[in-house]
């Protein structure tokens, strides 16, 4: 087995956790620590193992920087109540796993997730289902963006393996 497959393990882990995370966030407006810490730990472990086995430490550094920047910026956003801490912990895991492949994937994932949440929010306001101060679960939209973008390195890895 090619050790590079381990690099997509955190993407698969977050994909598996996405259903309970989305359901809980929609129902309770929270993302439980048991899921978010599992995702962060899995992302760190898988990217470390892959980096150690393939000597790709620059990618591991990119993943760590992405996770750290997400934590710092996220903390500031939580302080002004712009986003919940569960969303930040979920984003840390997602950004570690995506940034190992390419930091651009992080931006794509954020753009898709926040873009979809914005569209749904504007429509909700327009039809009267939401008010300007309504709380909206962000996790499902972030997960949607992540799953779409996370398919890129997964498909690339499996396509290369199939063609070789």
N, C-alpha and C. Protein backbone atom coordinates (compact mmCIF):
# COMPACT_ATOMS: atom_id res chain seq x y z
N UNK A 1 0.85 -1.19 0.00
CA UNK A 1 0.00 0.00 0.00
C UNK A 1 0.89 1.25 0.00
N UNK A 2 0.51 2.22 -0.76
CA UNK A 2 1.22 3.48 -0.83
C UNK A 2 0.90 4.30 0.43
N UNK A 3 1.95 4.75 1.12
CA UNK A 3 1.77 5.51 2.36
C UNK A 3 1.03 6.83 2.11
N UNK A 4 1.06 7.33 0.88
CA UNK A 4 0.37 8.59 0.57
C UNK A 4 -1.14 8.49 0.81
N UNK A 5 -1.66 7.27 0.80
CA UNK A 5 -3.09 7.11 1.08
C UNK A 5 -3.44 7.58 2.49
N UNK A 6 -2.48 7.52 3.40
CA UNK A 6 -2.73 7.97 4.77
C UNK A 6 -3.05 9.47 4.79
N UNK A 7 -2.54 10.22 3.80
CA UNK A 7 -2.78 11.66 3.77
C UNK A 7 -4.25 12.01 3.54
N UNK A 8 -5.01 11.09 2.98
CA UNK A 8 -6.44 11.37 2.79
C UNK A 8 -7.29 10.79 3.93
N UNK A 9 -6.64 10.11 4.89
CA UNK A 9 -7.38 9.55 6.02
C UNK A 9 -8.16 10.60 6.81
N UNK A 10 -7.57 11.79 7.10
CA UNK A 10 -8.36 12.77 7.84
C UNK A 10 -9.56 13.29 7.04
N UNK A 11 -9.42 13.34 5.73
CA UNK A 11 -10.56 13.75 4.90
C UNK A 11 -11.68 12.73 5.03
N UNK A 12 -11.31 11.46 4.99
CA UNK A 12 -12.29 10.39 5.16
C UNK A 12 -12.89 10.42 6.57
N UNK A 13 -12.06 10.64 7.58
CA UNK A 13 -12.56 10.71 8.96
C UNK A 13 -13.58 11.83 9.12
N UNK A 14 -13.26 13.01 8.61
CA UNK A 14 -14.19 14.13 8.71
C UNK A 14 -15.45 13.85 7.89
N UNK A 15 -15.31 13.18 6.76
CA UNK A 15 -16.48 12.81 5.96
C UNK A 15 -17.40 11.89 6.77
N UNK A 16 -16.81 10.93 7.48
CA UNK A 16 -17.61 10.02 8.31
C UNK A 16 -18.28 10.78 9.45
N UNK A 17 -17.56 11.70 10.07
CA UNK A 17 -18.11 12.47 11.18
C UNK A 17 -19.10 13.54 10.74
N UNK A 18 -19.13 13.84 9.44
CA UNK A 18 -19.95 14.96 8.96
C UNK A 18 -21.44 14.76 9.20
N UNK A 19 -21.92 13.53 9.11
CA UNK A 19 -23.36 13.32 9.31
C UNK A 19 -23.77 13.60 10.75
N UNK A 20 -23.13 12.96 11.76
CA UNK A 20 -23.54 13.32 13.12
C UNK A 20 -23.26 14.79 13.46
N UNK A 21 -22.16 15.34 12.96
CA UNK A 21 -21.88 16.75 13.23
C UNK A 21 -22.96 17.66 12.65
N UNK A 22 -23.34 17.42 11.42
CA UNK A 22 -24.37 18.27 10.78
C UNK A 22 -25.71 18.14 11.50
N UNK A 23 -26.10 16.91 11.82
CA UNK A 23 -27.39 16.69 12.49
C UNK A 23 -27.41 17.37 13.86
N UNK A 24 -26.35 17.20 14.64
CA UNK A 24 -26.29 17.82 15.97
C UNK A 24 -26.28 19.33 15.86
N UNK A 25 -25.53 19.86 14.90
CA UNK A 25 -25.46 21.32 14.75
C UNK A 25 -26.82 21.90 14.34
N UNK A 26 -27.51 21.22 13.45
CA UNK A 26 -28.83 21.69 13.03
C UNK A 26 -29.81 21.66 14.20
N UNK A 27 -29.78 20.58 14.97
CA UNK A 27 -30.74 20.42 16.08
C UNK A 27 -30.37 21.23 17.31
N UNK A 28 -29.09 21.28 17.67
CA UNK A 28 -28.69 21.85 18.95
C UNK A 28 -27.78 23.07 18.84
N UNK A 29 -27.40 23.45 17.64
CA UNK A 29 -26.49 24.58 17.41
C UNK A 29 -25.18 24.42 18.18
N UNK A 30 -24.62 23.21 18.12
CA UNK A 30 -23.32 22.97 18.74
C UNK A 30 -22.62 21.82 18.02
N UNK A 31 -21.30 21.81 18.10
CA UNK A 31 -20.49 20.74 17.53
C UNK A 31 -19.71 20.13 18.69
N UNK A 32 -20.08 18.93 19.12
CA UNK A 32 -19.48 18.34 20.33
C UNK A 32 -17.97 18.11 20.23
N UNK A 33 -17.29 18.33 21.35
CA UNK A 33 -15.84 18.16 21.43
C UNK A 33 -15.40 16.76 21.05
N UNK A 34 -16.19 15.76 21.40
CA UNK A 34 -15.78 14.39 21.09
C UNK A 34 -15.54 14.21 19.59
N UNK A 35 -16.31 14.88 18.78
CA UNK A 35 -16.15 14.80 17.33
C UNK A 35 -15.05 15.74 16.83
N UNK A 36 -15.06 16.98 17.32
CA UNK A 36 -14.09 17.95 16.79
C UNK A 36 -12.66 17.60 17.23
N UNK A 37 -12.48 17.18 18.48
CA UNK A 37 -11.13 16.79 18.93
C UNK A 37 -10.66 15.52 18.24
N UNK A 38 -11.58 14.61 17.97
CA UNK A 38 -11.22 13.40 17.21
C UNK A 38 -10.74 13.79 15.81
N UNK A 39 -11.44 14.72 15.19
CA UNK A 39 -11.06 15.18 13.84
C UNK A 39 -9.70 15.89 13.87
N UNK A 40 -9.46 16.73 14.87
CA UNK A 40 -8.17 17.43 14.96
C UNK A 40 -7.04 16.42 15.19
N UNK A 41 -7.24 15.51 16.13
CA UNK A 41 -6.22 14.50 16.43
C UNK A 41 -5.93 13.63 15.21
N UNK A 42 -6.98 13.19 14.55
CA UNK A 42 -6.81 12.35 13.36
C UNK A 42 -6.08 13.08 12.24
N UNK A 43 -6.39 14.36 12.08
CA UNK A 43 -5.73 15.15 11.04
C UNK A 43 -4.25 15.33 11.34
N UNK A 44 -3.94 15.65 12.59
CA UNK A 44 -2.53 15.82 12.97
C UNK A 44 -1.76 14.51 12.84
N UNK A 45 -2.34 13.43 13.32
CA UNK A 45 -1.66 12.14 13.29
C UNK A 45 -1.41 11.66 11.86
N UNK A 46 -2.43 11.73 11.03
CA UNK A 46 -2.30 11.23 9.65
C UNK A 46 -1.31 12.07 8.85
N UNK A 47 -1.36 13.39 9.01
CA UNK A 47 -0.43 14.23 8.26
C UNK A 47 1.00 14.04 8.77
N UNK A 48 1.18 13.83 10.08
CA UNK A 48 2.51 13.57 10.62
C UNK A 48 3.06 12.24 10.10
N UNK A 49 2.26 11.19 10.14
CA UNK A 49 2.70 9.88 9.67
C UNK A 49 3.08 9.94 8.20
N UNK A 50 2.25 10.57 7.40
CA UNK A 50 2.53 10.67 5.96
C UNK A 50 3.81 11.48 5.73
N UNK A 51 3.96 12.58 6.45
CA UNK A 51 5.16 13.42 6.30
C UNK A 51 6.41 12.67 6.70
N UNK A 52 6.34 11.94 7.81
CA UNK A 52 7.50 11.18 8.28
C UNK A 52 7.87 10.08 7.29
N UNK A 53 6.88 9.41 6.75
CA UNK A 53 7.14 8.29 5.83
C UNK A 53 7.61 8.74 4.45
N UNK A 54 7.20 9.94 4.04
CA UNK A 54 7.54 10.41 2.70
C UNK A 54 8.54 11.56 2.70
N UNK A 55 8.97 11.97 3.89
CA UNK A 55 9.90 13.08 4.04
C UNK A 55 9.35 14.36 3.42
N UNK A 56 8.07 14.59 3.61
CA UNK A 56 7.41 15.80 3.09
C UNK A 56 7.06 16.72 4.26
N UNK A 57 8.09 17.28 4.88
CA UNK A 57 7.91 18.10 6.08
C UNK A 57 7.39 19.49 5.76
N UNK A 58 7.61 19.98 4.56
CA UNK A 58 7.07 21.30 4.19
C UNK A 58 5.54 21.23 4.21
N UNK A 59 4.98 20.15 3.71
CA UNK A 59 3.52 19.97 3.73
C UNK A 59 3.00 19.92 5.16
N UNK A 60 3.74 19.22 6.03
CA UNK A 60 3.33 19.15 7.43
C UNK A 60 3.38 20.54 8.07
N UNK A 61 4.42 21.30 7.74
CA UNK A 61 4.52 22.67 8.23
C UNK A 61 3.36 23.53 7.75
N UNK A 62 2.98 23.36 6.50
CA UNK A 62 1.82 24.10 5.95
C UNK A 62 0.55 23.74 6.71
N UNK A 63 0.40 22.46 7.01
CA UNK A 63 -0.79 22.01 7.75
C UNK A 63 -0.82 22.61 9.15
N UNK A 64 0.33 22.61 9.82
CA UNK A 64 0.39 23.18 11.17
C UNK A 64 0.12 24.68 11.16
N UNK A 65 0.70 25.39 10.19
CA UNK A 65 0.47 26.83 10.08
C UNK A 65 -1.01 27.12 9.82
N UNK A 66 -1.61 26.34 8.93
CA UNK A 66 -3.05 26.53 8.64
C UNK A 66 -3.89 26.31 9.89
N UNK A 67 -3.57 25.26 10.64
CA UNK A 67 -4.32 25.00 11.88
C UNK A 67 -4.12 26.09 12.90
N UNK A 68 -2.89 26.57 13.04
CA UNK A 68 -2.59 27.63 14.01
C UNK A 68 -3.25 28.94 13.61
N UNK A 69 -3.17 29.31 12.34
CA UNK A 69 -3.84 30.54 11.88
C UNK A 69 -5.35 30.46 12.08
N UNK A 70 -5.90 29.30 11.80
CA UNK A 70 -7.35 29.11 12.00
C UNK A 70 -7.70 29.29 13.47
N UNK A 71 -6.88 28.74 14.36
CA UNK A 71 -7.13 28.86 15.79
C UNK A 71 -7.05 30.31 16.25
N UNK A 72 -6.04 31.03 15.80
CA UNK A 72 -5.86 32.43 16.21
C UNK A 72 -6.98 33.32 15.68
N UNK A 73 -7.23 33.24 14.38
CA UNK A 73 -8.29 34.06 13.78
C UNK A 73 -9.65 33.64 14.35
N UNK A 74 -9.84 32.34 14.50
CA UNK A 74 -11.09 31.84 15.05
C UNK A 74 -11.34 32.31 16.46
N UNK A 75 -10.30 32.33 17.29
CA UNK A 75 -10.44 32.82 18.66
C UNK A 75 -10.93 34.26 18.66
N UNK A 76 -10.36 35.08 17.78
CA UNK A 76 -10.78 36.47 17.69
C UNK A 76 -12.24 36.58 17.24
N UNK A 77 -12.64 35.73 16.31
CA UNK A 77 -14.03 35.75 15.84
C UNK A 77 -14.99 35.27 16.93
N UNK A 78 -14.57 34.30 17.72
CA UNK A 78 -15.40 33.82 18.83
C UNK A 78 -15.57 34.92 19.87
N UNK A 79 -14.51 35.68 20.12
CA UNK A 79 -14.57 36.75 21.12
C UNK A 79 -15.62 37.81 20.76
N UNK A 80 -15.81 38.05 19.45
CA UNK A 80 -16.82 39.04 19.05
C UNK A 80 -18.15 38.37 18.69
N UNK A 81 -18.24 37.08 19.02
CA UNK A 81 -19.46 36.30 18.81
C UNK A 81 -19.90 36.22 17.34
N UNK A 82 -18.90 36.20 16.45
CA UNK A 82 -19.19 36.08 15.02
C UNK A 82 -19.32 34.63 14.59
N UNK A 83 -18.79 33.71 15.41
CA UNK A 83 -18.78 32.29 15.08
C UNK A 83 -18.62 31.52 16.39
N UNK A 84 -19.05 30.27 16.40
CA UNK A 84 -18.94 29.47 17.60
C UNK A 84 -17.61 28.73 17.69
N UNK A 85 -17.20 28.37 18.90
CA UNK A 85 -15.94 27.67 19.09
C UNK A 85 -15.96 26.28 18.46
N UNK A 86 -17.10 25.63 18.43
CA UNK A 86 -17.20 24.33 17.77
C UNK A 86 -16.88 24.44 16.28
N UNK A 87 -17.36 25.52 15.67
CA UNK A 87 -17.06 25.75 14.25
C UNK A 87 -15.55 25.94 14.05
N UNK A 88 -14.91 26.64 14.97
CA UNK A 88 -13.47 26.87 14.86
C UNK A 88 -12.71 25.56 14.99
N UNK A 89 -13.08 24.73 15.96
CA UNK A 89 -12.39 23.44 16.12
C UNK A 89 -12.58 22.56 14.89
N UNK A 90 -13.77 22.59 14.33
CA UNK A 90 -14.01 21.84 13.09
C UNK A 90 -13.15 22.39 11.96
N UNK A 91 -13.08 23.71 11.85
CA UNK A 91 -12.25 24.33 10.81
C UNK A 91 -10.77 24.00 10.99
N UNK A 92 -10.30 23.93 12.22
CA UNK A 92 -8.89 23.58 12.46
C UNK A 92 -8.60 22.21 11.87
N UNK A 93 -9.46 21.24 12.16
CA UNK A 93 -9.26 19.88 11.63
C UNK A 93 -9.30 19.89 10.10
N UNK A 94 -10.27 20.58 9.54
CA UNK A 94 -10.40 20.64 8.09
C UNK A 94 -9.18 21.29 7.44
N UNK A 95 -8.72 22.38 8.03
CA UNK A 95 -7.62 23.12 7.43
C UNK A 95 -6.30 22.36 7.53
N UNK A 96 -6.10 21.63 8.62
CA UNK A 96 -4.89 20.80 8.72
C UNK A 96 -4.89 19.76 7.60
N UNK A 97 -6.03 19.09 7.44
CA UNK A 97 -6.08 18.01 6.44
C UNK A 97 -5.99 18.54 5.01
N UNK A 98 -6.57 19.69 4.73
CA UNK A 98 -6.52 20.23 3.37
C UNK A 98 -5.19 20.92 3.06
N UNK A 99 -4.66 21.67 4.03
CA UNK A 99 -3.43 22.43 3.78
C UNK A 99 -2.24 21.51 3.54
N UNK A 100 -2.26 20.29 4.05
CA UNK A 100 -1.18 19.35 3.78
C UNK A 100 -1.08 19.10 2.28
N UNK A 101 -2.22 19.08 1.61
CA UNK A 101 -2.26 18.86 0.16
C UNK A 101 -1.98 20.16 -0.60
N UNK A 102 -2.62 21.25 -0.17
CA UNK A 102 -2.41 22.56 -0.79
C UNK A 102 -3.16 23.62 0.02
N UNK A 103 -2.50 24.69 0.42
CA UNK A 103 -3.19 25.77 1.15
C UNK A 103 -4.34 26.38 0.34
N UNK A 104 -4.28 26.30 -0.97
CA UNK A 104 -5.36 26.83 -1.81
C UNK A 104 -6.67 26.09 -1.52
N UNK A 105 -6.58 24.81 -1.20
CA UNK A 105 -7.79 24.03 -0.90
C UNK A 105 -8.52 24.59 0.32
N UNK A 106 -7.77 25.13 1.27
CA UNK A 106 -8.37 25.74 2.46
C UNK A 106 -9.25 26.91 2.04
N UNK A 107 -8.72 27.76 1.19
CA UNK A 107 -9.47 28.93 0.73
C UNK A 107 -10.70 28.51 -0.08
N UNK A 108 -10.53 27.49 -0.91
CA UNK A 108 -11.67 27.01 -1.70
C UNK A 108 -12.77 26.47 -0.78
N UNK A 109 -12.39 25.71 0.21
CA UNK A 109 -13.35 25.13 1.15
C UNK A 109 -14.09 26.23 1.92
N UNK A 110 -13.34 27.20 2.42
CA UNK A 110 -13.97 28.32 3.13
C UNK A 110 -14.92 29.09 2.23
N UNK A 111 -14.48 29.36 1.02
CA UNK A 111 -15.32 30.09 0.07
C UNK A 111 -16.64 29.38 -0.20
N UNK A 112 -16.54 28.08 -0.45
CA UNK A 112 -17.77 27.31 -0.71
C UNK A 112 -18.67 27.25 0.52
N UNK A 113 -18.09 26.97 1.68
CA UNK A 113 -18.90 26.84 2.90
C UNK A 113 -19.58 28.14 3.30
N UNK A 114 -18.79 29.21 3.39
CA UNK A 114 -19.37 30.50 3.77
C UNK A 114 -20.26 31.05 2.67
N UNK A 115 -19.92 30.79 1.41
CA UNK A 115 -20.76 31.24 0.30
C UNK A 115 -22.14 30.61 0.34
N UNK A 116 -22.17 29.29 0.56
CA UNK A 116 -23.46 28.61 0.65
C UNK A 116 -24.26 29.09 1.86
N UNK A 117 -23.59 29.26 3.00
CA UNK A 117 -24.28 29.76 4.20
C UNK A 117 -24.86 31.15 3.96
N UNK A 118 -24.12 31.98 3.24
CA UNK A 118 -24.60 33.32 2.93
C UNK A 118 -25.83 33.28 2.04
N UNK A 119 -25.78 32.45 1.02
CA UNK A 119 -26.93 32.32 0.11
C UNK A 119 -28.16 31.85 0.87
N UNK A 120 -28.00 30.81 1.69
CA UNK A 120 -29.13 30.28 2.47
C UNK A 120 -29.63 31.34 3.45
N UNK A 121 -28.71 32.08 4.08
CA UNK A 121 -29.11 33.13 5.02
C UNK A 121 -29.88 34.25 4.35
N UNK A 122 -29.41 34.68 3.19
CA UNK A 122 -30.10 35.77 2.46
C UNK A 122 -31.48 35.31 2.01
N UNK A 123 -31.58 34.09 1.52
CA UNK A 123 -32.89 33.56 1.12
C UNK A 123 -33.80 33.46 2.34
N UNK A 124 -33.25 32.97 3.47
CA UNK A 124 -34.04 32.87 4.70
C UNK A 124 -34.56 34.22 5.16
N UNK A 125 -33.72 35.25 5.04
CA UNK A 125 -34.17 36.61 5.38
C UNK A 125 -35.24 37.09 4.42
N UNK A 126 -35.05 36.83 3.14
CA UNK A 126 -35.98 37.31 2.11
C UNK A 126 -37.37 36.69 2.26
N UNK A 127 -37.42 35.42 2.64
CA UNK A 127 -38.74 34.77 2.75
C UNK A 127 -39.29 34.80 4.18
N UNK A 128 -38.57 35.45 5.08
CA UNK A 128 -39.06 35.63 6.43
C UNK A 128 -38.81 34.46 7.38
N UNK A 129 -38.01 33.49 6.99
CA UNK A 129 -37.71 32.36 7.88
C UNK A 129 -36.62 32.69 8.90
N UNK A 130 -35.83 33.71 8.58
CA UNK A 130 -34.76 34.15 9.48
C UNK A 130 -34.91 35.63 9.74
N UNK A 131 -34.39 36.05 10.89
CA UNK A 131 -34.32 37.48 11.22
C UNK A 131 -32.85 37.87 11.23
N UNK A 132 -32.56 39.16 11.17
CA UNK A 132 -31.15 39.58 11.14
C UNK A 132 -30.31 39.04 12.29
N UNK A 133 -30.89 38.81 13.45
CA UNK A 133 -30.15 38.31 14.61
C UNK A 133 -30.32 36.80 14.83
N UNK A 134 -30.93 36.11 13.88
CA UNK A 134 -31.13 34.66 14.01
C UNK A 134 -29.80 33.92 14.03
N UNK A 135 -29.74 32.89 14.86
CA UNK A 135 -28.57 32.00 14.88
C UNK A 135 -28.77 30.94 13.81
N UNK A 136 -27.73 30.69 13.07
CA UNK A 136 -27.79 29.71 11.99
C UNK A 136 -26.65 28.72 12.18
N UNK A 137 -26.94 27.41 12.13
CA UNK A 137 -25.84 26.45 12.27
C UNK A 137 -24.91 26.55 11.06
N UNK A 138 -23.64 26.77 11.33
CA UNK A 138 -22.68 26.96 10.26
C UNK A 138 -21.99 25.66 9.86
N UNK A 139 -21.92 24.70 10.79
CA UNK A 139 -21.23 23.44 10.55
C UNK A 139 -21.61 22.72 9.27
N UNK A 140 -22.90 22.54 8.99
CA UNK A 140 -23.27 21.82 7.77
C UNK A 140 -22.74 22.48 6.49
N UNK A 141 -22.70 23.79 6.45
CA UNK A 141 -22.22 24.50 5.27
C UNK A 141 -20.70 24.38 5.14
N UNK A 142 -20.00 24.47 6.28
CA UNK A 142 -18.55 24.29 6.27
C UNK A 142 -18.20 22.87 5.84
N UNK A 143 -18.96 21.90 6.33
CA UNK A 143 -18.72 20.51 5.96
C UNK A 143 -18.99 20.27 4.47
N UNK A 144 -20.02 20.89 3.95
CA UNK A 144 -20.33 20.76 2.53
C UNK A 144 -19.16 21.26 1.68
N UNK A 145 -18.66 22.46 2.00
CA UNK A 145 -17.52 23.00 1.26
C UNK A 145 -16.30 22.11 1.40
N UNK A 146 -16.06 21.61 2.60
CA UNK A 146 -14.92 20.73 2.84
C UNK A 146 -15.03 19.44 2.05
N UNK A 147 -16.20 18.83 2.05
CA UNK A 147 -16.37 17.55 1.35
C UNK A 147 -16.18 17.71 -0.16
N UNK A 148 -16.68 18.79 -0.71
CA UNK A 148 -16.47 19.02 -2.15
C UNK A 148 -14.99 19.22 -2.46
N UNK A 149 -14.33 20.06 -1.70
CA UNK A 149 -12.93 20.36 -1.95
C UNK A 149 -12.04 19.18 -1.54
N UNK A 150 -12.40 18.48 -0.48
CA UNK A 150 -11.63 17.32 -0.03
C UNK A 150 -11.61 16.20 -1.04
N UNK A 151 -12.58 16.20 -1.93
CA UNK A 151 -12.60 15.18 -2.98
C UNK A 151 -11.44 15.37 -3.97
N UNK A 152 -10.93 16.58 -4.08
CA UNK A 152 -9.86 16.86 -5.06
C UNK A 152 -8.60 16.04 -4.77
N UNK A 153 -8.00 16.16 -3.57
CA UNK A 153 -6.79 15.34 -3.34
C UNK A 153 -7.10 13.84 -3.31
N UNK A 154 -8.27 13.48 -2.85
CA UNK A 154 -8.63 12.06 -2.79
C UNK A 154 -8.72 11.48 -4.20
N UNK A 155 -9.42 12.15 -5.07
CA UNK A 155 -9.56 11.67 -6.45
C UNK A 155 -8.22 11.69 -7.17
N UNK A 156 -7.43 12.73 -6.92
CA UNK A 156 -6.12 12.83 -7.55
C UNK A 156 -5.23 11.65 -7.15
N UNK A 157 -5.21 11.34 -5.86
CA UNK A 157 -4.37 10.25 -5.37
C UNK A 157 -4.81 8.91 -5.95
N UNK A 158 -6.11 8.65 -5.95
CA UNK A 158 -6.59 7.38 -6.45
C UNK A 158 -6.51 7.27 -7.97
N UNK A 159 -6.62 8.39 -8.68
CA UNK A 159 -6.47 8.39 -10.13
C UNK A 159 -5.03 8.09 -10.52
N UNK A 160 -4.09 8.72 -9.84
CA UNK A 160 -2.67 8.49 -10.11
C UNK A 160 -2.34 7.02 -9.84
N UNK A 161 -2.86 6.48 -8.75
CA UNK A 161 -2.60 5.08 -8.39
C UNK A 161 -3.19 4.13 -9.45
N UNK A 162 -4.37 4.47 -9.94
CA UNK A 162 -5.02 3.61 -10.92
C UNK A 162 -4.29 3.64 -12.27
N UNK A 163 -3.71 4.78 -12.62
CA UNK A 163 -3.03 4.92 -13.90
C UNK A 163 -1.59 4.40 -13.88
N UNK A 164 -1.06 4.17 -12.68
CA UNK A 164 0.34 3.69 -12.64
C UNK A 164 0.45 2.20 -12.50
